[in-house]
């Protein structure tokens, strides 16, 4: 009898924390642009995801762990990547106008991290 060799598989419950961070950031970007009824600038979105990954990977392990565990620290990194990637320059006039009437926007308060980049 011949036994087939199986390759070890990764446990799907063990996720890469950096991939989880990128996925969360992508989800927030999708929500941000969808709620503003704007098409996301896809090249800049990808650039923002790379900027986030590069920035977080460059930090000491303790700081990486803090960011992954702390929502406020994650949003700070998301805003930094949003700015670094140039997303804050895309649709600038439109978003700045929408941000002036903040109560009318269907966005949770955390998204002010992005909106503030358009009103500064």
PDB file of N, CA and C in Angstrom:
ATOM      1  N   UNK A   1       0.841  -1.177   0.000  1.00  0.00           N
ATOM      2  CA  UNK A   1       0.000   0.000   0.000  1.00  0.00           C
ATOM      3  C   UNK A   1       0.886   1.240   0.000  1.00  0.00           C
ATOM      4  N   UNK A   2       0.587   2.167  -0.862  1.00  0.00           N
ATOM      5  CA  UNK A   2       1.359   3.408  -0.956  1.00  0.00           C
ATOM      6  C   UNK A   2       0.602   4.490  -0.199  1.00  0.00           C
ATOM      7  N   UNK A   3       1.332   5.143   0.693  1.00  0.00           N
ATOM      8  CA  UNK A   3       0.724   6.237   1.457  1.00  0.00           C
ATOM      9  C   UNK A   3       1.130   7.548   0.811  1.00  0.00           C
ATOM     10  N   UNK A   4       0.181   8.371   0.582  1.00  0.00           N
ATOM     11  CA  UNK A   4       0.480   9.690   0.012  1.00  0.00           C
ATOM     12  C   UNK A   4       1.073  10.570   1.105  1.00  0.00           C
ATOM     13  N   UNK A   5       2.091  11.296   0.729  1.00  0.00           N
ATOM     14  CA  UNK A   5       2.688  12.236   1.683  1.00  0.00           C
ATOM     15  C   UNK A   5       1.863  13.514   1.666  1.00  0.00           C
ATOM     16  N   UNK A   6       1.593  14.019   2.811  1.00  0.00           N
ATOM     17  CA  UNK A   6       0.854  15.275   2.886  1.00  0.00           C
ATOM     18  C   UNK A   6       1.776  16.357   3.399  1.00  0.00           C
ATOM     19  N   UNK A   7       1.575  17.519   2.850  1.00  0.00           N
ATOM     20  CA  UNK A   7       2.355  18.671   3.282  1.00  0.00           C
ATOM     21  C   UNK A   7       1.692  19.243   4.534  1.00  0.00           C
ATOM     22  N   UNK A   8       2.489  19.688   5.463  1.00  0.00           N
ATOM     23  CA  UNK A   8       1.885  20.304   6.643  1.00  0.00           C
ATOM     24  C   UNK A   8       1.109  21.553   6.222  1.00  0.00           C
ATOM     25  N   UNK A   9      -0.005  21.732   6.820  1.00  0.00           N
ATOM     26  CA  UNK A   9      -0.793  22.919   6.512  1.00  0.00           C
ATOM     27  C   UNK A   9      -0.763  23.851   7.706  1.00  0.00           C
ATOM     28  N   UNK A  10      -0.981  25.115   7.407  1.00  0.00           N
ATOM     29  CA  UNK A  10      -1.029  26.068   8.512  1.00  0.00           C
ATOM     30  C   UNK A  10      -2.425  26.040   9.087  1.00  0.00           C
ATOM     31  N   UNK A  11      -2.492  26.253  10.330  1.00  0.00           N
ATOM     32  CA  UNK A  11      -3.768  26.273  11.021  1.00  0.00           C
ATOM     33  C   UNK A  11      -4.478  27.571  10.660  1.00  0.00           C
ATOM     34  N   UNK A  12      -5.683  27.497  10.053  1.00  0.00           N
ATOM     35  CA  UNK A  12      -6.359  28.723   9.648  1.00  0.00           C
ATOM     36  C   UNK A  12      -6.728  29.632  10.809  1.00  0.00           C
ATOM     37  N   UNK A  13      -6.743  29.107  12.020  1.00  0.00           N
ATOM     38  CA  UNK A  13      -7.065  29.964  13.157  1.00  0.00           C
ATOM     39  C   UNK A  13      -5.850  30.786  13.597  1.00  0.00           C
ATOM     40  N   UNK A  14      -4.667  30.398  13.148  1.00  0.00           N
ATOM     41  CA  UNK A  14      -3.466  31.167  13.469  1.00  0.00           C
ATOM     42  C   UNK A  14      -3.233  32.150  12.324  1.00  0.00           C
ATOM     43  N   UNK A  15      -3.646  33.372  12.508  1.00  0.00           N
ATOM     44  CA  UNK A  15      -3.506  34.334  11.431  1.00  0.00           C
ATOM     45  C   UNK A  15      -2.266  35.194  11.658  1.00  0.00           C
ATOM     46  N   UNK A  16      -1.773  35.712  10.562  1.00  0.00           N
ATOM     47  CA  UNK A  16      -0.646  36.622  10.598  1.00  0.00           C
ATOM     48  C   UNK A  16      -1.170  37.969  11.110  1.00  0.00           C
ATOM     49  N   UNK A  17      -0.649  38.468  12.227  1.00  0.00           N
ATOM     50  CA  UNK A  17      -1.167  39.730  12.769  1.00  0.00           C
ATOM     51  C   UNK A  17      -0.993  40.896  11.802  1.00  0.00           C
ATOM     52  N   UNK A  18       0.061  40.868  10.979  1.00  0.00           N
ATOM     53  CA  UNK A  18       0.257  41.947  10.017  1.00  0.00           C
ATOM     54  C   UNK A  18      -0.777  41.877   8.905  1.00  0.00           C
ATOM     55  N   UNK A  19      -1.127  40.667   8.490  1.00  0.00           N
ATOM     56  CA  UNK A  19      -2.169  40.515   7.474  1.00  0.00           C
ATOM     57  C   UNK A  19      -3.513  40.961   8.039  1.00  0.00           C
ATOM     58  N   UNK A  20      -3.754  40.648   9.296  1.00  0.00           N
ATOM     59  CA  UNK A  20      -4.987  41.075   9.953  1.00  0.00           C
ATOM     60  C   UNK A  20      -5.050  42.597  10.006  1.00  0.00           C
ATOM     61  N   UNK A  21      -3.926  43.231  10.314  1.00  0.00           N
ATOM     62  CA  UNK A  21      -3.840  44.685  10.364  1.00  0.00           C
ATOM     63  C   UNK A  21      -4.107  45.280   8.976  1.00  0.00           C
ATOM     64  N   UNK A  22      -3.488  44.714   7.952  1.00  0.00           N
ATOM     65  CA  UNK A  22      -3.712  45.187   6.577  1.00  0.00           C
ATOM     66  C   UNK A  22      -5.167  45.000   6.167  1.00  0.00           C
ATOM     67  N   UNK A  23      -5.751  43.862   6.513  1.00  0.00           N
ATOM     68  CA  UNK A  23      -7.148  43.591   6.166  1.00  0.00           C
ATOM     69  C   UNK A  23      -8.080  44.593   6.843  1.00  0.00           C
ATOM     70  N   UNK A  24      -7.783  44.905   8.106  1.00  0.00           N
ATOM     71  CA  UNK A  24      -8.603  45.880   8.830  1.00  0.00           C
ATOM     72  C   UNK A  24      -8.498  47.250   8.163  1.00  0.00           C
ATOM     73  N   UNK A  25      -7.280  47.647   7.820  1.00  0.00           N
ATOM     74  CA  UNK A  25      -7.063  48.940   7.167  1.00  0.00           C
ATOM     75  C   UNK A  25      -7.798  48.983   5.828  1.00  0.00           C
ATOM     76  N   UNK A  26      -7.691  47.926   5.036  1.00  0.00           N
ATOM     77  CA  UNK A  26      -8.381  47.868   3.738  1.00  0.00           C
ATOM     78  C   UNK A  26      -9.899  48.006   3.941  1.00  0.00           C
ATOM     79  N   UNK A  27     -10.432  47.302   4.932  1.00  0.00           N
ATOM     80  CA  UNK A  27     -11.863  47.376   5.225  1.00  0.00           C
ATOM     81  C   UNK A  27     -12.274  48.811   5.580  1.00  0.00           C
ATOM     82  N   UNK A  28     -11.460  49.474   6.399  1.00  0.00           N
ATOM     83  CA  UNK A  28     -11.771  50.855   6.774  1.00  0.00           C
ATOM     84  C   UNK A  28     -11.720  51.778   5.559  1.00  0.00           C
ATOM     85  N   UNK A  29     -10.766  51.563   4.677  1.00  0.00           N
ATOM     86  CA  UNK A  29     -10.686  52.385   3.464  1.00  0.00           C
ATOM     87  C   UNK A  29     -11.907  52.153   2.578  1.00  0.00           C
ATOM     88  N   UNK A  30     -12.316  50.910   2.444  1.00  0.00           N
ATOM     89  CA  UNK A  30     -13.504  50.593   1.637  1.00  0.00           C
ATOM     90  C   UNK A  30     -14.745  51.267   2.215  1.00  0.00           C
ATOM     91  N   UNK A  31     -14.896  51.201   3.532  1.00  0.00           N
ATOM     92  CA  UNK A  31     -16.046  51.832   4.197  1.00  0.00           C
ATOM     93  C   UNK A  31     -15.990  53.343   4.005  1.00  0.00           C
ATOM     94  N   UNK A  32     -14.824  53.924   4.212  1.00  0.00           N
ATOM     95  CA  UNK A  32     -14.639  55.372   4.085  1.00  0.00           C
ATOM     96  C   UNK A  32     -15.104  55.862   2.720  1.00  0.00           C
ATOM     97  N   UNK A  33     -14.587  55.263   1.675  1.00  0.00           N
ATOM     98  CA  UNK A  33     -14.940  55.719   0.325  1.00  0.00           C
ATOM     99  C   UNK A  33     -16.383  55.370  -0.040  1.00  0.00           C
ATOM    100  N   UNK A  34     -16.871  54.226   0.394  1.00  0.00           N
ATOM    101  CA  UNK A  34     -18.252  53.839   0.089  1.00  0.00           C
ATOM    102  C   UNK A  34     -19.242  54.804   0.748  1.00  0.00           C
ATOM    103  N   UNK A  35     -18.995  55.151   1.994  1.00  0.00           N
ATOM    104  CA  UNK A  35     -19.922  56.045   2.704  1.00  0.00           C
ATOM    105  C   UNK A  35     -19.879  57.464   2.136  1.00  0.00           C
ATOM    106  N   UNK A  36     -18.725  57.840   1.557  1.00  0.00           N
ATOM    107  CA  UNK A  36     -18.622  59.152   0.922  1.00  0.00           C
ATOM    108  C   UNK A  36     -19.114  59.109  -0.522  1.00  0.00           C
ATOM    109  N   UNK A  37     -19.478  57.893  -0.976  1.00  0.00           N
ATOM    110  CA  UNK A  37     -19.958  57.667  -2.337  1.00  0.00           C
ATOM    111  C   UNK A  37     -18.916  58.083  -3.380  1.00  0.00           C
ATOM    112  N   UNK A  38     -17.670  57.704  -3.110  1.00  0.00           N
ATOM    113  CA  UNK A  38     -16.557  57.998  -4.018  1.00  0.00           C
ATOM    114  C   UNK A  38     -15.851  56.701  -4.381  1.00  0.00           C
ATOM    115  N   UNK A  39     -15.335  56.659  -5.591  1.00  0.00           N
ATOM    116  CA  UNK A  39     -14.527  55.506  -5.998  1.00  0.00           C
ATOM    117  C   UNK A  39     -13.157  55.632  -5.336  1.00  0.00           C
ATOM    118  N   UNK A  40     -12.708  54.586  -4.663  1.00  0.00           N
ATOM    119  CA  UNK A  40     -11.380  54.667  -4.042  1.00  0.00           C
ATOM    120  C   UNK A  40     -10.299  54.718  -5.119  1.00  0.00           C
ATOM    121  N   UNK A  41      -9.288  55.553  -4.918  1.00  0.00           N
ATOM    122  CA  UNK A  41      -8.163  55.589  -5.864  1.00  0.00           C
ATOM    123  C   UNK A  41      -7.295  54.340  -5.627  1.00  0.00           C
ATOM    124  N   UNK A  42      -7.562  53.294  -6.397  1.00  0.00           N
ATOM    125  CA  UNK A  42      -7.017  51.968  -6.106  1.00  0.00           C
ATOM    126  C   UNK A  42      -5.493  51.932  -6.005  1.00  0.00           C
ATOM    127  N   UNK A  43      -4.782  52.619  -6.877  1.00  0.00           N
ATOM    128  CA  UNK A  43      -3.316  52.593  -6.789  1.00  0.00           C
ATOM    129  C   UNK A  43      -2.847  53.192  -5.471  1.00  0.00           C
ATOM    130  N   UNK A  44      -3.485  54.262  -5.045  1.00  0.00           N
ATOM    131  CA  UNK A  44      -3.113  54.892  -3.778  1.00  0.00           C
ATOM    132  C   UNK A  44      -3.524  54.035  -2.586  1.00  0.00           C
ATOM    133  N   UNK A  45      -4.624  53.308  -2.708  1.00  0.00           N
ATOM    134  CA  UNK A  45      -5.037  52.385  -1.638  1.00  0.00           C
ATOM    135  C   UNK A  45      -3.967  51.314  -1.460  1.00  0.00           C
ATOM    136  N   UNK A  46      -3.511  50.746  -2.571  1.00  0.00           N
ATOM    137  CA  UNK A  46      -2.456  49.723  -2.497  1.00  0.00           C
ATOM    138  C   UNK A  46      -1.174  50.323  -1.928  1.00  0.00           C
ATOM    139  N   UNK A  47      -0.865  51.548  -2.313  1.00  0.00           N
ATOM    140  CA  UNK A  47       0.320  52.234  -1.786  1.00  0.00           C
ATOM    141  C   UNK A  47       0.178  52.449  -0.271  1.00  0.00           C
ATOM    142  N   UNK A  48      -1.037  52.776   0.167  1.00  0.00           N
ATOM    143  CA  UNK A  48      -1.290  52.976   1.604  1.00  0.00           C
ATOM    144  C   UNK A  48      -1.100  51.672   2.371  1.00  0.00           C
ATOM    145  N   UNK A  49      -1.560  50.576   1.804  1.00  0.00           N
ATOM    146  CA  UNK A  49      -1.384  49.267   2.451  1.00  0.00           C
ATOM    147  C   UNK A  49       0.093  48.915   2.563  1.00  0.00           C
ATOM    148  N   UNK A  50       0.853  49.210   1.505  1.00  0.00           N
ATOM    149  CA  UNK A  50       2.305  48.957   1.559  1.00  0.00           C
ATOM    150  C   UNK A  50       2.974  49.869   2.579  1.00  0.00           C
ATOM    151  N   UNK A  51       2.545  51.135   2.633  1.00  0.00           N
ATOM    152  CA  UNK A  51       3.118  52.085   3.595  1.00  0.00           C
ATOM    153  C   UNK A  51       2.868  51.627   5.028  1.00  0.00           C
ATOM    154  N   UNK A  52       1.659  51.133   5.288  1.00  0.00           N
ATOM    155  CA  UNK A  52       1.337  50.625   6.619  1.00  0.00           C
ATOM    156  C   UNK A  52       2.240  49.453   6.978  1.00  0.00           C
ATOM    157  N   UNK A  53       2.345  48.505   6.069  1.00  0.00           N
ATOM    158  CA  UNK A  53       3.161  47.314   6.318  1.00  0.00           C
ATOM    159  C   UNK A  53       4.612  47.692   6.569  1.00  0.00           C
ATOM    160  N   UNK A  54       5.152  48.557   5.724  1.00  0.00           N
ATOM    161  CA  UNK A  54       6.552  48.979   5.860  1.00  0.00           C
ATOM    162  C   UNK A  54       6.787  49.675   7.192  1.00  0.00           C
ATOM    163  N   UNK A  55       5.889  50.580   7.550  1.00  0.00           N
ATOM    164  CA  UNK A  55       6.047  51.343   8.789  1.00  0.00           C
ATOM    165  C   UNK A  55       5.982  50.445  10.015  1.00  0.00           C
ATOM    166  N   UNK A  56       5.022  49.541  10.043  1.00  0.00           N
ATOM    167  CA  UNK A  56       4.855  48.688  11.222  1.00  0.00           C
ATOM    168  C   UNK A  56       5.987  47.670  11.322  1.00  0.00           C
ATOM    169  N   UNK A  57       6.401  47.127  10.189  1.00  0.00           N
ATOM    170  CA  UNK A  57       7.513  46.165  10.213  1.00  0.00           C
ATOM    171  C   UNK A  57       8.806  46.809  10.711  1.00  0.00           C
ATOM    172  N   UNK A  58       8.969  48.108  10.504  1.00  0.00           N
ATOM    173  CA  UNK A  58      10.194  48.803  10.910  1.00  0.00           C
ATOM    174  C   UNK A  58      10.242  49.080  12.415  1.00  0.00           C
ATOM    175  N   UNK A  59       9.120  48.919  13.086  1.00  0.00           N
ATOM    176  CA  UNK A  59       9.062  49.211  14.528  1.00  0.00           C
ATOM    177  C   UNK A  59       9.580  48.045  15.357  1.00  0.00           C
ATOM    178  N   UNK A  60      10.028  48.335  16.582  1.00  0.00           N
ATOM    179  CA  UNK A  60      10.425  47.247  17.488  1.00  0.00           C
ATOM    180  C   UNK A  60       9.237  46.325  17.764  1.00  0.00           C
ATOM    181  N   UNK A  61       9.520  45.085  18.057  1.00  0.00           N
ATOM    182  CA  UNK A  61       8.480  44.072  18.292  1.00  0.00           C
ATOM    183  C   UNK A  61       7.481  44.498  19.364  1.00  0.00           C
ATOM    184  N   UNK A  62       7.967  45.150  20.428  1.00  0.00           N
ATOM    185  CA  UNK A  62       7.070  45.585  21.499  1.00  0.00           C
ATOM    186  C   UNK A  62       6.061  46.605  20.975  1.00  0.00           C
ATOM    187  N   UNK A  63       6.534  47.526  20.140  1.00  0.00           N
ATOM    188  CA  UNK A  63       5.650  48.547  19.567  1.00  0.00           C
ATOM    189  C   UNK A  63       4.664  47.914  18.585  1.00  0.00           C
ATOM    190  N   UNK A  64       5.119  46.947  17.817  1.00  0.00           N
ATOM    191  CA  UNK A  64       4.223  46.229  16.904  1.00  0.00           C
ATOM    192  C   UNK A  64       3.099  45.565  17.696  1.00  0.00           C
ATOM    193  N   UNK A  65       3.457  44.914  18.778  1.00  0.00           N
ATOM    194  CA  UNK A  65       2.463  44.226  19.610  1.00  0.00           C
ATOM    195  C   UNK A  65       1.471  45.227  20.203  1.00  0.00           C
ATOM    196  N   UNK A  66       1.962  46.392  20.612  1.00  0.00           N
ATOM    197  CA  UNK A  66       1.085  47.429  21.169  1.00  0.00           C
ATOM    198  C   UNK A  66       0.093  47.907  20.114  1.00  0.00           C
ATOM    199  N   UNK A  67       0.564  48.122  18.902  1.00  0.00           N
ATOM    200  CA  UNK A  67      -0.302  48.592  17.821  1.00  0.00           C
ATOM    201  C   UNK A  67      -1.378  47.554  17.509  1.00  0.00           C
ATOM    202  N   UNK A  68      -0.978  46.309  17.442  1.00  0.00           N
ATOM    203  CA  UNK A  68      -1.926  45.247  17.123  1.00  0.00           C
ATOM    204  C   UNK A  68      -2.995  45.122  18.216  1.00  0.00           C
ATOM    205  N   UNK A  69      -2.606  45.383  19.469  1.00  0.00           N
ATOM    206  CA  UNK A  69      -3.528  45.229  20.598  1.00  0.00           C
ATOM    207  C   UNK A  69      -4.367  46.471  20.887  1.00  0.00           C
ATOM    208  N   UNK A  70      -3.946  47.640  20.398  1.00  0.00           N
ATOM    209  CA  UNK A  70      -4.572  48.909  20.782  1.00  0.00           C
ATOM    210  C   UNK A  70      -5.224  49.601  19.589  1.00  0.00           C
ATOM    211  N   UNK A  71      -6.532  49.739  19.639  1.00  0.00           N
ATOM    212  CA  UNK A  71      -7.291  50.348  18.539  1.00  0.00           C
ATOM    213  C   UNK A  71      -6.821  51.776  18.222  1.00  0.00           C
ATOM    214  N   UNK A  72      -6.580  52.578  19.245  1.00  0.00           N
ATOM    215  CA  UNK A  72      -6.134  53.959  19.017  1.00  0.00           C
ATOM    216  C   UNK A  72      -4.778  53.986  18.306  1.00  0.00           C
ATOM    217  N   UNK A  73      -3.887  53.089  18.683  1.00  0.00           N
ATOM    218  CA  UNK A  73      -2.570  53.019  18.039  1.00  0.00           C
ATOM    219  C   UNK A  73      -2.708  52.558  16.585  1.00  0.00           C
ATOM    220  N   UNK A  74      -3.638  51.638  16.338  1.00  0.00           N
ATOM    221  CA  UNK A  74      -3.867  51.194  14.950  1.00  0.00           C
ATOM    222  C   UNK A  74      -4.374  52.348  14.104  1.00  0.00           C
ATOM    223  N   UNK A  75      -5.338  53.102  14.620  1.00  0.00           N
ATOM    224  CA  UNK A  75      -5.881  54.221  13.855  1.00  0.00           C
ATOM    225  C   UNK A  75      -4.809  55.278  13.589  1.00  0.00           C
ATOM    226  N   UNK A  76      -3.904  55.468  14.534  1.00  0.00           N
ATOM    227  CA  UNK A  76      -2.794  56.403  14.317  1.00  0.00           C
ATOM    228  C   UNK A  76      -1.938  55.936  13.144  1.00  0.00           C
ATOM    229  N   UNK A  77      -1.651  54.643  13.102  1.00  0.00           N
ATOM    230  CA  UNK A  77      -0.869  54.079  11.987  1.00  0.00           C
ATOM    231  C   UNK A  77      -1.659  54.146  10.677  1.00  0.00           C
ATOM    232  N   UNK A  78      -2.965  53.897  10.740  1.00  0.00           N
ATOM    233  CA  UNK A  78      -3.790  53.969   9.533  1.00  0.00           C
ATOM    234  C   UNK A  78      -3.763  55.388   8.967  1.00  0.00           C
ATOM    235  N   UNK A  79      -3.908  56.394   9.844  1.00  0.00           N
ATOM    236  CA  UNK A  79      -3.891  57.789   9.390  1.00  0.00           C
ATOM    237  C   UNK A  79      -2.536  58.156   8.803  1.00  0.00           C
ATOM    238  N   UNK A  80      -1.473  57.678   9.425  1.00  0.00           N
ATOM    239  CA  UNK A  80      -0.127  57.964   8.921  1.00  0.00           C
ATOM    240  C   UNK A  80       0.060  57.363   7.520  1.00  0.00           C
ATOM    241  N   UNK A  81      -0.388  56.116   7.343  1.00  0.00           N
ATOM    242  CA  UNK A  81      -0.268  55.467   6.032  1.00  0.00           C
ATOM    243  C   UNK A  81      -1.169  56.151   5.005  1.00  0.00           C
ATOM    244  N   UNK A  82      -2.339  56.592   5.431  1.00  0.00           N
ATOM    245  CA  UNK A  82      -3.264  57.313   4.555  1.00  0.00           C
ATOM    246  C   UNK A  82      -2.580  58.566   4.025  1.00  0.00           C
ATOM    247  N   UNK A  83      -1.926  59.285   4.917  1.00  0.00           N
ATOM    248  CA  UNK A  83      -1.237  60.513   4.537  1.00  0.00           C
ATOM    249  C   UNK A  83      -0.006  60.217   3.667  1.00  0.00           C
ATOM    250  N   UNK A  84       0.837  59.304   4.124  1.00  0.00           N
ATOM    251  CA  UNK A  84       2.086  58.976   3.430  1.00  0.00           C
ATOM    252  C   UNK A  84       1.840  58.514   2.001  1.00  0.00           C
ATOM    253  N   UNK A  85       0.765  57.782   1.790  1.00  0.00           N
ATOM    254  CA  UNK A  85       0.473  57.203   0.483  1.00  0.00           C
ATOM    255  C   UNK A  85      -0.050  58.219  -0.519  1.00  0.00           C
ATOM    256  N   UNK A  86      -0.454  59.377  -0.042  1.00  0.00           N
ATOM    257  CA  UNK A  86      -1.027  60.372  -0.931  1.00  0.00           C
ATOM    258  C   UNK A  86      -2.542  60.319  -1.015  1.00  0.00           C
ATOM    259  N   UNK A  87      -3.170  59.417  -0.260  1.00  0.00           N
ATOM    260  CA  UNK A  87      -4.634  59.343  -0.293  1.00  0.00           C
ATOM    261  C   UNK A  87      -5.274  60.668   0.136  1.00  0.00           C
ATOM    262  N   UNK A  88      -4.619  61.397   1.016  1.00  0.00           N
ATOM    263  CA  UNK A  88      -5.176  62.660   1.491  1.00  0.00           C
ATOM    264  C   UNK A  88      -5.168  63.742   0.407  1.00  0.00           C
ATOM    265  N   UNK A  89      -4.524  63.459  -0.721  1.00  0.00           N
ATOM    266  CA  UNK A  89      -4.515  64.413  -1.839  1.00  0.00           C
ATOM    267  C   UNK A  89      -5.542  64.049  -2.906  1.00  0.00           C
ATOM    268  N   UNK A  90      -6.045  62.835  -2.858  1.00  0.00           N
ATOM    269  CA  UNK A  90      -7.014  62.364  -3.845  1.00  0.00           C
ATOM    270  C   UNK A  90      -8.417  62.792  -3.418  1.00  0.00           C
ATOM    271  N   UNK A  91      -9.193  63.275  -4.346  1.00  0.00           N
ATOM    272  CA  UNK A  91     -10.564  63.751  -4.081  1.00  0.00           C
ATOM    273  C   UNK A  91     -10.557  64.839  -3.005  1.00  0.00           C
ATOM    274  N   UNK A  92      -9.448  65.563  -2.884  1.00  0.00           N
ATOM    275  CA  UNK A  92      -9.264  66.498  -1.777  1.00  0.00           C
ATOM    276  C   UNK A  92     -10.406  67.511  -1.664  1.00  0.00           C
ATOM    277  N   UNK A  93     -10.737  68.170  -2.748  1.00  0.00           N
ATOM    278  CA  UNK A  93     -11.778  69.196  -2.697  1.00  0.00           C
ATOM    279  C   UNK A  93     -13.135  68.622  -2.319  1.00  0.00           C
ATOM    280  N   UNK A  94     -13.461  67.492  -2.909  1.00  0.00           N
ATOM    281  CA  UNK A  94     -14.752  66.857  -2.633  1.00  0.00           C
ATOM    282  C   UNK A  94     -14.839  66.444  -1.164  1.00  0.00           C
ATOM    283  N   UNK A  95     -13.809  65.749  -0.685  1.00  0.00           N
ATOM    284  CA  UNK A  95     -13.848  65.243   0.697  1.00  0.00           C
ATOM    285  C   UNK A  95     -13.787  66.386   1.701  1.00  0.00           C
ATOM    286  N   UNK A  96     -12.980  67.415   1.397  1.00  0.00           N
ATOM    287  CA  UNK A  96     -12.921  68.575   2.300  1.00  0.00           C
ATOM    288  C   UNK A  96     -14.303  69.215   2.410  1.00  0.00           C
ATOM    289  N   UNK A  97     -15.017  69.312   1.302  1.00  0.00           N
ATOM    290  CA  UNK A  97     -16.367  69.868   1.326  1.00  0.00           C
ATOM    291  C   UNK A  97     -17.314  69.006   2.142  1.00  0.00           C
ATOM    292  N   UNK A  98     -17.237  67.699   1.948  1.00  0.00           N
ATOM    293  CA  UNK A  98     -18.083  66.786   2.722  1.00  0.00           C
ATOM    294  C   UNK A  98     -17.750  66.848   4.210  1.00  0.00           C
ATOM    295  N   UNK A  99     -16.478  66.973   4.526  1.00  0.00           N
ATOM    296  CA  UNK A  99     -16.034  66.982   5.928  1.00  0.00           C
ATOM    297  C   UNK A  99     -16.520  68.231   6.669  1.00  0.00           C
ATOM    298  N   UNK A 100     -16.805  69.301   5.936  1.00  0.00           N
ATOM    299  CA  UNK A 100     -17.303  70.516   6.588  1.00  0.00           C
ATOM    300  C   UNK A 100     -18.668  70.290   7.230  1.00  0.00           C
ATOM    301  N   UNK A 101     -19.405  69.325   6.707  1.00  0.00           N
ATOM    302  CA  UNK A 101     -20.708  68.989   7.277  1.00  0.00           C
ATOM    303  C   UNK A 101     -20.612  67.602   7.908  1.00  0.00           C
ATOM    304  N   UNK A 102     -19.706  67.473   8.855  1.00  0.00           N
ATOM    305  CA  UNK A 102     -19.391  66.184   9.470  1.00  0.00           C
ATOM    306  C   UNK A 102     -20.618  65.439   9.992  1.00  0.00           C
ATOM    307  N   UNK A 103     -21.558  66.112  10.645  1.00  0.00           N
ATOM    308  CA  UNK A 103     -22.720  65.375  11.169  1.00  0.00           C
ATOM    309  C   UNK A 103     -23.534  64.670  10.073  1.00  0.00           C
ATOM    310  N   UNK A 104     -23.481  65.156   8.845  1.00  0.00           N
ATOM    311  CA  UNK A 104     -24.252  64.544   7.758  1.00  0.00           C
ATOM    312  C   UNK A 104     -23.596  63.277   7.220  1.00  0.00           C
ATOM    313  N   UNK A 105     -22.341  63.055   7.556  1.00  0.00           N
ATOM    314  CA  UNK A 105     -21.629  61.880   7.046  1.00  0.00           C
ATOM    315  C   UNK A 105     -21.994  60.647   7.858  1.00  0.00           C
ATOM    316  N   UNK A 106     -22.160  59.560   7.177  1.00  0.00           N
ATOM    317  CA  UNK A 106     -22.513  58.289   7.828  1.00  0.00           C
ATOM    318  C   UNK A 106     -21.237  57.523   8.152  1.00  0.00           C
ATOM    319  N   UNK A 107     -20.398  58.131   8.987  1.00  0.00           N
ATOM    320  CA  UNK A 107     -19.118  57.518   9.347  1.00  0.00           C
ATOM    321  C   UNK A 107     -18.928  57.547  10.864  1.00  0.00           C
ATOM    322  N   UNK A 108     -18.472  56.448  11.446  1.00  0.00           N
ATOM    323  CA  UNK A 108     -18.135  56.460  12.873  1.00  0.00           C
ATOM    324  C   UNK A 108     -17.020  57.477  13.164  1.00  0.00           C
ATOM    325  N   UNK A 109     -16.928  57.898  14.394  1.00  0.00           N
ATOM    326  CA  UNK A 109     -15.958  58.924  14.803  1.00  0.00           C
ATOM    327  C   UNK A 109     -14.510  58.554  14.487  1.00  0.00           C
ATOM    328  N   UNK A 110     -14.173  57.258  14.484  1.00  0.00           N
ATOM    329  CA  UNK A 110     -12.799  56.861  14.179  1.00  0.00           C
ATOM    330  C   UNK A 110     -12.338  57.364  12.812  1.00  0.00           C
ATOM    331  N   UNK A 111     -13.261  57.537  11.892  1.00  0.00           N
ATOM    332  CA  UNK A 111     -12.904  57.975  10.541  1.00  0.00           C
ATOM    333  C   UNK A 111     -12.482  59.435  10.499  1.00  0.00           C
ATOM    334  N   UNK A 112     -12.645  60.136  11.616  1.00  0.00           N
ATOM    335  CA  UNK A 112     -12.120  61.500  11.696  1.00  0.00           C
ATOM    336  C   UNK A 112     -10.605  61.496  11.522  1.00  0.00           C
ATOM    337  N   UNK A 113      -9.956  60.376  11.820  1.00  0.00           N
ATOM    338  CA  UNK A 113      -8.511  60.274  11.592  1.00  0.00           C
ATOM    339  C   UNK A 113      -8.191  60.526  10.121  1.00  0.00           C
ATOM    340  N   UNK A 114      -9.057  60.093   9.232  1.00  0.00           N
ATOM    341  CA  UNK A 114      -8.868  60.329   7.792  1.00  0.00           C
ATOM    342  C   UNK A 114      -9.396  61.717   7.418  1.00  0.00           C
ATOM    343  N   UNK A 115     -10.605  62.038   7.878  1.00  0.00           N
ATOM    344  CA  UNK A 115     -11.234  63.313   7.504  1.00  0.00           C
ATOM    345  C   UNK A 115     -10.391  64.523   7.937  1.00  0.00           C
ATOM    346  N   UNK A 116      -9.765  64.424   9.094  1.00  0.00           N
ATOM    347  CA  UNK A 116      -8.959  65.547   9.584  1.00  0.00           C
ATOM    348  C   UNK A 116      -7.796  65.875   8.641  1.00  0.00           C
ATOM    349  N   UNK A 117      -7.354  64.908   7.869  1.00  0.00           N
ATOM    350  CA  UNK A 117      -6.268  65.154   6.921  1.00  0.00           C
ATOM    351  C   UNK A 117      -6.739  66.039   5.755  1.00  0.00           C
ATOM    352  N   UNK A 118      -8.039  66.120   5.556  1.00  0.00           N
ATOM    353  CA  UNK A 118      -8.596  66.935   4.486  1.00  0.00           C
ATOM    354  C   UNK A 118      -8.971  68.335   4.963  1.00  0.00           C
ATOM    355  N   UNK A 119      -9.078  68.520   6.257  1.00  0.00           N
ATOM    356  CA  UNK A 119      -9.513  69.804   6.792  1.00  0.00           C
ATOM    357  C   UNK A 119      -8.362  70.568   7.452  1.00  0.00           C
ATOM    358  N   UNK A 120      -7.198  69.961   7.510  1.00  0.00           N
ATOM    359  CA  UNK A 120      -6.054  70.607   8.173  1.00  0.00           C
ATOM    360  C   UNK A 120      -5.403  71.640   7.265  1.00  0.00           C
TER     361      UNK A 120
END
